[in-house]
Every structure is written in C-alpha cells, then in structure tokens.
Amino acid sequence: MLAAGCLDGRCIVWDFYTRGISQILKGHVQPVTSVSWTRKGRHILTSSKDWNCIYWDLLDGTKDSIIRFQTPVLFAQLHPYKPL
C-alpha cells in the first residue's frame, strides 16, 4: 500500500495488489504535509497546514483521534515501537 497527501486535504491510499485506490480519507481542510504509517500498517498519521494531525484507522477509514496544535504542522512521524 502507498499513501499520499493531497493539496486539497485528502489522503489517498493505493493498493498495489488491486492496482487501484483503496481509500480516500477526508479530514483536513488545508494541504496534507506528511503521512506516517504504523509498524503493522493498520493506522496512519497525517499532518496538515490546518493545524491538525489525524490518526486514521485504515480498516474502516475512520478518525481515531484528532490532535490540534497552535501552528501549522509541517511534519509528523509515528514512533516505530510506541503507538498512540
């Protein structure tokens, strides 16, 4: 799988096996600045210029949590051994 953030705030997840889009995650209102996968590949963390980081569950495409900051978030990364 491959995830990419878009300028319109979406995050698109592609599946290499089906060669198609697996999910379109909508939650940000400004460009997505980074995407980070969990070690097992079930969750991703997206950051955005809208001052939010969103922790996504990829099994059902829902937001597990939203973290709001006081400034635009340019980069966020998950720790490989300590999940949220």
PDB file of N, CA and C in Angstrom:
ATOM      1  N   MET A   1       0.835  -1.169   0.000  1.00  0.00           N
ATOM      2  CA  MET A   1       0.000   0.000   0.000  1.00  0.00           C
ATOM      3  C   MET A   1       0.890   1.246   0.000  1.00  0.00           C
ATOM      4  N   LEU A   2       0.320   2.292  -0.538  1.00  0.00           N
ATOM      5  CA  LEU A   2       1.003   3.576  -0.623  1.00  0.00           C
ATOM      6  C   LEU A   2      -0.008   4.655  -0.268  1.00  0.00           C
ATOM      7  N   ALA A   3       0.391   5.588   0.582  1.00  0.00           N
ATOM      8  CA  ALA A   3      -0.485   6.702   0.959  1.00  0.00           C
ATOM      9  C   ALA A   3       0.177   8.015   0.566  1.00  0.00           C
ATOM     10  N   ALA A   4      -0.635   8.923   0.054  1.00  0.00           N
ATOM     11  CA  ALA A   4      -0.125  10.234  -0.359  1.00  0.00           C
ATOM     12  C   ALA A   4      -1.105  11.315   0.055  1.00  0.00           C
ATOM     13  N   GLY A   5      -0.575  12.405   0.575  1.00  0.00           N
ATOM     14  CA  GLY A   5      -1.391  13.550   0.945  1.00  0.00           C
ATOM     15  C   GLY A   5      -1.578  14.467  -0.250  1.00  0.00           C
ATOM     16  N   CYS A   6      -2.725  15.113  -0.318  1.00  0.00           N
ATOM     17  CA  CYS A   6      -3.061  15.989  -1.444  1.00  0.00           C
ATOM     18  C   CYS A   6      -3.153  17.444  -0.994  1.00  0.00           C
ATOM     19  N   LEU A   7      -3.086  18.341  -1.957  1.00  0.00           N
ATOM     20  CA  LEU A   7      -3.187  19.768  -1.667  1.00  0.00           C
ATOM     21  C   LEU A   7      -4.586  20.174  -1.212  1.00  0.00           C
ATOM     22  N   ASP A   8      -5.603  19.381  -1.529  1.00  0.00           N
ATOM     23  CA  ASP A   8      -6.974  19.714  -1.118  1.00  0.00           C
ATOM     24  C   ASP A   8      -7.343  19.134   0.241  1.00  0.00           C
ATOM     25  N   GLY A   9      -6.390  18.505   0.956  1.00  0.00           N
ATOM     26  CA  GLY A   9      -6.631  17.994   2.298  1.00  0.00           C
ATOM     27  C   GLY A   9      -6.973  16.519   2.366  1.00  0.00           C
ATOM     28  N   ARG A  10      -7.095  15.859   1.230  1.00  0.00           N
ATOM     29  CA  ARG A  10      -7.386  14.422   1.241  1.00  0.00           C
ATOM     30  C   ARG A  10      -6.092  13.628   1.370  1.00  0.00           C
ATOM     31  N   CYS A  11      -6.224  12.385   1.825  1.00  0.00           N
ATOM     32  CA  CYS A  11      -5.135  11.421   1.805  1.00  0.00           C
ATOM     33  C   CYS A  11      -5.648  10.220   1.026  1.00  0.00           C
ATOM     34  N   ILE A  12      -4.923   9.839  -0.012  1.00  0.00           N
ATOM     35  CA  ILE A  12      -5.352   8.737  -0.866  1.00  0.00           C
ATOM     36  C   ILE A  12      -4.445   7.540  -0.606  1.00  0.00           C
ATOM     37  N   VAL A  13      -5.078   6.378  -0.390  1.00  0.00           N
ATOM     38  CA  VAL A  13      -4.349   5.137  -0.129  1.00  0.00           C
ATOM     39  C   VAL A  13      -4.535   4.223  -1.341  1.00  0.00           C
ATOM     40  N   TRP A  14      -3.411   3.842  -1.964  1.00  0.00           N
ATOM     41  CA  TRP A  14      -3.441   2.942  -3.120  1.00  0.00           C
ATOM     42  C   TRP A  14      -3.070   1.536  -2.682  1.00  0.00           C
ATOM     43  N   ASP A  15      -3.705   0.555  -3.314  1.00  0.00           N
ATOM     44  CA  ASP A  15      -3.419  -0.850  -3.077  1.00  0.00           C
ATOM     45  C   ASP A  15      -2.683  -1.401  -4.298  1.00  0.00           C
ATOM     46  N   PHE A  16      -1.479  -1.921  -4.092  1.00  0.00           N
ATOM     47  CA  PHE A  16      -0.692  -2.437  -5.202  1.00  0.00           C
ATOM     48  C   PHE A  16      -1.246  -3.750  -5.757  1.00  0.00           C
ATOM     49  N   TYR A  17      -1.925  -4.530  -4.908  1.00  0.00           N
ATOM     50  CA  TYR A  17      -2.465  -5.812  -5.380  1.00  0.00           C
ATOM     51  C   TYR A  17      -3.626  -5.616  -6.344  1.00  0.00           C
ATOM     52  N   THR A  18      -4.513  -4.702  -6.031  1.00  0.00           N
ATOM     53  CA  THR A  18      -5.654  -4.452  -6.914  1.00  0.00           C
ATOM     54  C   THR A  18      -5.363  -3.371  -7.948  1.00  0.00           C
ATOM     55  N   ARG A  19      -4.236  -2.689  -7.771  1.00  0.00           N
ATOM     56  CA  ARG A  19      -3.823  -1.594  -8.655  1.00  0.00           C
ATOM     57  C   ARG A  19      -4.882  -0.499  -8.731  1.00  0.00           C
ATOM     58  N   GLY A  20      -5.453  -0.208  -7.576  1.00  0.00           N
ATOM     59  CA  GLY A  20      -6.471   0.831  -7.516  1.00  0.00           C
ATOM     60  C   GLY A  20      -6.451   1.554  -6.181  1.00  0.00           C
ATOM     61  N   ILE A  21      -7.342   2.495  -6.063  1.00  0.00           N
ATOM     62  CA  ILE A  21      -7.462   3.269  -4.829  1.00  0.00           C
ATOM     63  C   ILE A  21      -8.185   2.432  -3.790  1.00  0.00           C
ATOM     64  N   SER A  22      -7.572   2.275  -2.648  1.00  0.00           N
ATOM     65  CA  SER A  22      -8.170   1.518  -1.552  1.00  0.00           C
ATOM     66  C   SER A  22      -9.108   2.401  -0.735  1.00  0.00           C
ATOM     67  N   GLN A  23      -8.639   3.612  -0.394  1.00  0.00           N
ATOM     68  CA  GLN A  23      -9.446   4.534   0.408  1.00  0.00           C
ATOM     69  C   GLN A  23      -9.082   5.972   0.071  1.00  0.00           C
ATOM     70  N   ILE A  24     -10.051   6.841   0.257  1.00  0.00           N
ATOM     71  CA  ILE A  24      -9.830   8.282   0.195  1.00  0.00           C
ATOM     72  C   ILE A  24     -10.238   8.834   1.553  1.00  0.00           C
ATOM     73  N   LEU A  25      -9.269   9.332   2.298  1.00  0.00           N
ATOM     74  CA  LEU A  25      -9.505   9.824   3.654  1.00  0.00           C
ATOM     75  C   LEU A  25      -9.692  11.335   3.611  1.00  0.00           C
ATOM     76  N   LYS A  26     -10.851  11.784   4.049  1.00  0.00           N
ATOM     77  CA  LYS A  26     -11.158  13.221   4.046  1.00  0.00           C
ATOM     78  C   LYS A  26     -11.275  13.707   5.482  1.00  0.00           C
ATOM     79  N   GLY A  27     -10.455  14.709   5.830  1.00  0.00           N
ATOM     80  CA  GLY A  27     -10.493  15.214   7.186  1.00  0.00           C
ATOM     81  C   GLY A  27      -9.811  16.557   7.360  1.00  0.00           C
ATOM     82  N   HIS A  28      -8.861  16.838   6.499  1.00  0.00           N
ATOM     83  CA  HIS A  28      -8.147  18.112   6.565  1.00  0.00           C
ATOM     84  C   HIS A  28      -8.783  19.120   5.601  1.00  0.00           C
ATOM     85  N   VAL A  29      -8.618  20.401   5.919  1.00  0.00           N
ATOM     86  CA  VAL A  29      -9.151  21.461   5.055  1.00  0.00           C
ATOM     87  C   VAL A  29      -8.044  22.262   4.371  1.00  0.00           C
ATOM     88  N   GLN A  30      -6.811  21.957   4.702  1.00  0.00           N
ATOM     89  CA  GLN A  30      -5.629  22.560   4.078  1.00  0.00           C
ATOM     90  C   GLN A  30      -4.745  21.425   3.553  1.00  0.00           C
ATOM     91  N   PRO A  31      -3.687  21.732   2.807  1.00  0.00           N
ATOM     92  CA  PRO A  31      -2.834  20.677   2.257  1.00  0.00           C
ATOM     93  C   PRO A  31      -2.248  19.748   3.323  1.00  0.00           C
ATOM     94  N   VAL A  32      -2.177  18.470   2.990  1.00  0.00           N
ATOM     95  CA  VAL A  32      -1.545  17.476   3.860  1.00  0.00           C
ATOM     96  C   VAL A  32      -0.038  17.608   3.673  1.00  0.00           C
ATOM     97  N   THR A  33       0.690  17.700   4.797  1.00  0.00           N
ATOM     98  CA  THR A  33       2.129  17.933   4.725  1.00  0.00           C
ATOM     99  C   THR A  33       2.955  16.669   4.948  1.00  0.00           C
ATOM    100  N   SER A  34       2.401  15.663   5.639  1.00  0.00           N
ATOM    101  CA  SER A  34       3.141  14.412   5.821  1.00  0.00           C
ATOM    102  C   SER A  34       2.181  13.276   6.149  1.00  0.00           C
ATOM    103  N   VAL A  35       2.646  12.068   5.855  1.00  0.00           N
ATOM    104  CA  VAL A  35       1.902  10.840   6.150  1.00  0.00           C
ATOM    105  C   VAL A  35       2.876   9.855   6.778  1.00  0.00           C
ATOM    106  N   SER A  36       2.492   9.235   7.889  1.00  0.00           N
ATOM    107  CA  SER A  36       3.347   8.275   8.569  1.00  0.00           C
ATOM    108  C   SER A  36       2.538   7.017   8.895  1.00  0.00           C
ATOM    109  N   TRP A  37       3.087   5.857   8.555  1.00  0.00           N
ATOM    110  CA  TRP A  37       2.421   4.569   8.788  1.00  0.00           C
ATOM    111  C   TRP A  37       2.817   3.993  10.139  1.00  0.00           C
ATOM    112  N   THR A  38       1.913   3.215  10.739  1.00  0.00           N
ATOM    113  CA  THR A  38       2.290   2.420  11.904  1.00  0.00           C
ATOM    114  C   THR A  38       3.067   1.209  11.422  1.00  0.00           C
ATOM    115  N   ARG A  39       3.731   0.572  12.337  1.00  0.00           N
ATOM    116  CA  ARG A  39       4.573  -0.570  12.008  1.00  0.00           C
ATOM    117  C   ARG A  39       3.783  -1.717  11.366  1.00  0.00           C
ATOM    118  N   LYS A  40       2.567  -1.953  11.853  1.00  0.00           N
ATOM    119  CA  LYS A  40       1.750  -3.055  11.328  1.00  0.00           C
ATOM    120  C   LYS A  40       0.893  -2.648  10.125  1.00  0.00           C
ATOM    121  N   GLY A  41       0.854  -1.365   9.807  1.00  0.00           N
ATOM    122  CA  GLY A  41       0.149  -0.911   8.629  1.00  0.00           C
ATOM    123  C   GLY A  41      -1.348  -0.729   8.775  1.00  0.00           C
ATOM    124  N   ARG A  42      -1.861  -0.783   9.994  1.00  0.00           N
ATOM    125  CA  ARG A  42      -3.306  -0.618  10.191  1.00  0.00           C
ATOM    126  C   ARG A  42      -3.700   0.850  10.313  1.00  0.00           C
ATOM    127  N   HIS A  43      -2.823   1.688  10.829  1.00  0.00           N
ATOM    128  CA  HIS A  43      -3.117   3.098  11.065  1.00  0.00           C
ATOM    129  C   HIS A  43      -2.108   3.981  10.332  1.00  0.00           C
ATOM    130  N   ILE A  44      -2.542   5.216  10.043  1.00  0.00           N
ATOM    131  CA  ILE A  44      -1.614   6.231   9.558  1.00  0.00           C
ATOM    132  C   ILE A  44      -1.874   7.531  10.315  1.00  0.00           C
ATOM    133  N   LEU A  45      -0.850   8.361  10.349  1.00  0.00           N
ATOM    134  CA  LEU A  45      -0.942   9.688  10.942  1.00  0.00           C
ATOM    135  C   LEU A  45      -0.702  10.693   9.833  1.00  0.00           C
ATOM    136  N   THR A  46      -1.644  11.630   9.660  1.00  0.00           N
ATOM    137  CA  THR A  46      -1.471  12.690   8.665  1.00  0.00           C
ATOM    138  C   THR A  46      -1.344  14.022   9.388  1.00  0.00           C
ATOM    139  N   SER A  47      -0.494  14.885   8.853  1.00  0.00           N
ATOM    140  CA  SER A  47      -0.374  16.245   9.371  1.00  0.00           C
ATOM    141  C   SER A  47      -0.751  17.210   8.257  1.00  0.00           C
ATOM    142  N   SER A  48      -1.148  18.420   8.657  1.00  0.00           N
ATOM    143  CA  SER A  48      -1.649  19.363   7.672  1.00  0.00           C
ATOM    144  C   SER A  48      -1.360  20.797   8.096  1.00  0.00           C
ATOM    145  N   LYS A  49      -1.460  21.688   7.115  1.00  0.00           N
ATOM    146  CA  LYS A  49      -1.323  23.115   7.393  1.00  0.00           C
ATOM    147  C   LYS A  49      -2.555  23.684   8.086  1.00  0.00           C
ATOM    148  N   ASP A  50      -3.586  22.855   8.315  1.00  0.00           N
ATOM    149  CA  ASP A  50      -4.778  23.322   9.040  1.00  0.00           C
ATOM    150  C   ASP A  50      -4.621  23.193  10.556  1.00  0.00           C
ATOM    151  N   TRP A  51      -3.393  22.945  11.014  1.00  0.00           N
ATOM    152  CA  TRP A  51      -3.012  22.891  12.420  1.00  0.00           C
ATOM    153  C   TRP A  51      -3.402  21.585  13.096  1.00  0.00           C
ATOM    154  N   ASN A  52      -3.779  20.569  12.325  1.00  0.00           N
ATOM    155  CA  ASN A  52      -4.238  19.298  12.890  1.00  0.00           C
ATOM    156  C   ASN A  52      -3.371  18.138  12.445  1.00  0.00           C
ATOM    157  N   CYS A  53      -3.308  17.131  13.316  1.00  0.00           N
ATOM    158  CA  CYS A  53      -2.806  15.807  12.967  1.00  0.00           C
ATOM    159  C   CYS A  53      -3.970  14.851  13.194  1.00  0.00           C
ATOM    160  N   ILE A  54      -4.177  13.947  12.250  1.00  0.00           N
ATOM    161  CA  ILE A  54      -5.272  12.979  12.369  1.00  0.00           C
ATOM    162  C   ILE A  54      -4.675  11.581  12.344  1.00  0.00           C
ATOM    163  N   TYR A  55      -5.093  10.759  13.315  1.00  0.00           N
ATOM    164  CA  TYR A  55      -4.690   9.361  13.418  1.00  0.00           C
ATOM    165  C   TYR A  55      -5.832   8.523  12.854  1.00  0.00           C
ATOM    166  N   TRP A  56      -5.598   7.865  11.712  1.00  0.00           N
ATOM    167  CA  TRP A  56      -6.625   7.163  10.965  1.00  0.00           C
ATOM    168  C   TRP A  56      -6.558   5.657  11.190  1.00  0.00           C
ATOM    169  N   ASP A  57      -7.716   5.016  11.256  1.00  0.00           N
ATOM    170  CA  ASP A  57      -7.824   3.558  11.237  1.00  0.00           C
ATOM    171  C   ASP A  57      -8.141   3.160   9.797  1.00  0.00           C
ATOM    172  N   LEU A  58      -7.247   2.418   9.168  1.00  0.00           N
ATOM    173  CA  LEU A  58      -7.426   2.097   7.757  1.00  0.00           C
ATOM    174  C   LEU A  58      -8.388   0.935   7.513  1.00  0.00           C
ATOM    175  N   LEU A  59      -8.746   0.182   8.550  1.00  0.00           N
ATOM    176  CA  LEU A  59      -9.698  -0.912   8.332  1.00  0.00           C
ATOM    177  C   LEU A  59     -11.076  -0.388   7.957  1.00  0.00           C
ATOM    178  N   ASP A  60     -11.475   0.715   8.586  1.00  0.00           N
ATOM    179  CA  ASP A  60     -12.803   1.265   8.274  1.00  0.00           C
ATOM    180  C   ASP A  60     -12.751   2.724   7.818  1.00  0.00           C
ATOM    181  N   GLY A  61     -11.567   3.307   7.741  1.00  0.00           N
ATOM    182  CA  GLY A  61     -11.420   4.663   7.229  1.00  0.00           C
ATOM    183  C   GLY A  61     -11.882   5.756   8.177  1.00  0.00           C
ATOM    184  N   THR A  62     -11.912   5.463   9.477  1.00  0.00           N
ATOM    185  CA  THR A  62     -12.376   6.444  10.454  1.00  0.00           C
ATOM    186  C   THR A  62     -11.202   7.141  11.139  1.00  0.00           C
ATOM    187  N   LYS A  63     -11.517   8.277  11.742  1.00  0.00           N
ATOM    188  CA  LYS A  63     -10.534   9.038  12.508  1.00  0.00           C
ATOM    189  C   LYS A  63     -10.526   8.505  13.937  1.00  0.00           C
ATOM    190  N   ASP A  64      -9.396   7.971  14.379  1.00  0.00           N
ATOM    191  CA  ASP A  64      -9.284   7.511  15.758  1.00  0.00           C
ATOM    192  C   ASP A  64      -9.083   8.688  16.704  1.00  0.00           C
ATOM    193  N   SER A  65      -8.297   9.673  16.282  1.00  0.00           N
ATOM    194  CA  SER A  65      -8.120  10.863  17.109  1.00  0.00           C
ATOM    195  C   SER A  65      -7.629  12.026  16.245  1.00  0.00           C
ATOM    196  N   ILE A  66      -7.951  13.217  16.720  1.00  0.00           N
ATOM    197  CA  ILE A  66      -7.508  14.454  16.074  1.00  0.00           C
ATOM    198  C   ILE A  66      -6.738  15.261  17.109  1.00  0.00           C
ATOM    199  N   ILE A  67      -5.534  15.653  16.766  1.00  0.00           N
ATOM    200  CA  ILE A  67      -4.688  16.434  17.660  1.00  0.00           C
ATOM    201  C   ILE A  67      -4.541  17.825  17.066  1.00  0.00           C
ATOM    202  N   ARG A  68      -4.937  18.829  17.819  1.00  0.00           N
ATOM    203  CA  ARG A  68      -4.915  20.223  17.347  1.00  0.00           C
ATOM    204  C   ARG A  68      -3.703  20.937  17.929  1.00  0.00           C
ATOM    205  N   PHE A  69      -2.967  21.635  17.078  1.00  0.00           N
ATOM    206  CA  PHE A  69      -1.802  22.410  17.503  1.00  0.00           C
ATOM    207  C   PHE A  69      -2.083  23.902  17.330  1.00  0.00           C
ATOM    208  N   GLN A  70      -1.174  24.743  17.796  1.00  0.00           N
ATOM    209  CA  GLN A  70      -1.352  26.189  17.724  1.00  0.00           C
ATOM    210  C   GLN A  70      -0.629  26.805  16.527  1.00  0.00           C
ATOM    211  N   THR A  71      -0.179  25.974  15.634  1.00  0.00           N
ATOM    212  CA  THR A  71       0.533  26.427  14.446  1.00  0.00           C
ATOM    213  C   THR A  71       0.395  25.358  13.359  1.00  0.00           C
ATOM    214  N   PRO A  72       0.597  25.693  12.096  1.00  0.00           N
ATOM    215  CA  PRO A  72       0.542  24.661  11.058  1.00  0.00           C
ATOM    216  C   PRO A  72       1.580  23.564  11.304  1.00  0.00           C
ATOM    217  N   VAL A  73       1.204  22.329  11.070  1.00  0.00           N
ATOM    218  CA  VAL A  73       2.095  21.192  11.289  1.00  0.00           C
ATOM    219  C   VAL A  73       2.749  20.836   9.955  1.00  0.00           C
ATOM    220  N   LEU A  74       4.063  20.972   9.892  1.00  0.00           N
ATOM    221  CA  LEU A  74       4.770  20.711   8.649  1.00  0.00           C
ATOM    222  C   LEU A  74       5.232  19.268   8.525  1.00  0.00           C
ATOM    223  N   PHE A  75       5.392  18.561   9.662  1.00  0.00           N
ATOM    224  CA  PHE A  75       5.858  17.178   9.621  1.00  0.00           C
ATOM    225  C   PHE A  75       5.468  16.477  10.908  1.00  0.00           C
ATOM    226  N   ALA A  76       4.992  15.258  10.793  1.00  0.00           N
ATOM    227  CA  ALA A  76       4.691  14.428  11.966  1.00  0.00           C
ATOM    228  C   ALA A  76       5.075  13.000  11.636  1.00  0.00           C
ATOM    229  N   GLN A  77       5.607  12.293  12.631  1.00  0.00           N
ATOM    230  CA  GLN A  77       6.039  10.923  12.402  1.00  0.00           C
ATOM    231  C   GLN A  77       5.709  10.082  13.624  1.00  0.00           C
ATOM    232  N   LEU A  78       5.251   8.858  13.391  1.00  0.00           N
ATOM    233  CA  LEU A  78       4.950   7.923  14.466  1.00  0.00           C
ATOM    234  C   LEU A  78       6.215   7.216  14.902  1.00  0.00           C
ATOM    235  N   HIS A  79       6.319   6.939  16.197  1.00  0.00           N
ATOM    236  CA  HIS A  79       7.435   6.151  16.697  1.00  0.00           C
ATOM    237  C   HIS A  79       7.225   4.698  16.263  1.00  0.00           C
ATOM    238  N   PRO A  80       8.235   4.022  15.761  1.00  0.00           N
ATOM    239  CA  PRO A  80       8.016   2.665  15.226  1.00  0.00           C
ATOM    240  C   PRO A  80       7.641   1.630  16.270  1.00  0.00           C
ATOM    241  N   TYR A  81       7.949   1.849  17.540  1.00  0.00           N
ATOM    242  CA  TYR A  81       7.663   0.842  18.560  1.00  0.00           C
ATOM    243  C   TYR A  81       6.674   1.304  19.622  1.00  0.00           C
ATOM    244  N   LYS A  82       6.281   2.568  19.621  1.00  0.00           N
ATOM    245  CA  LYS A  82       5.345   3.086  20.621  1.00  0.00           C
ATOM    246  C   LYS A  82       4.151   3.717  19.921  1.00  0.00           C
ATOM    247  N   PRO A  83       3.085   2.947  19.690  1.00  0.00           N
ATOM    248  CA  PRO A  83       1.915   3.514  19.005  1.00  0.00           C
ATOM    249  C   PRO A  83       1.178   4.497  19.888  1.00  0.00           C
ATOM    250  N   LEU A  84       0.297   5.290  19.276  1.00  0.00           N
ATOM    251  CA  LEU A  84      -0.505   6.255  20.037  1.00  0.00           C
ATOM    252  C   LEU A  84      -1.442   5.576  20.983  1.00  0.00           C
TER     253      LEU A  84
END
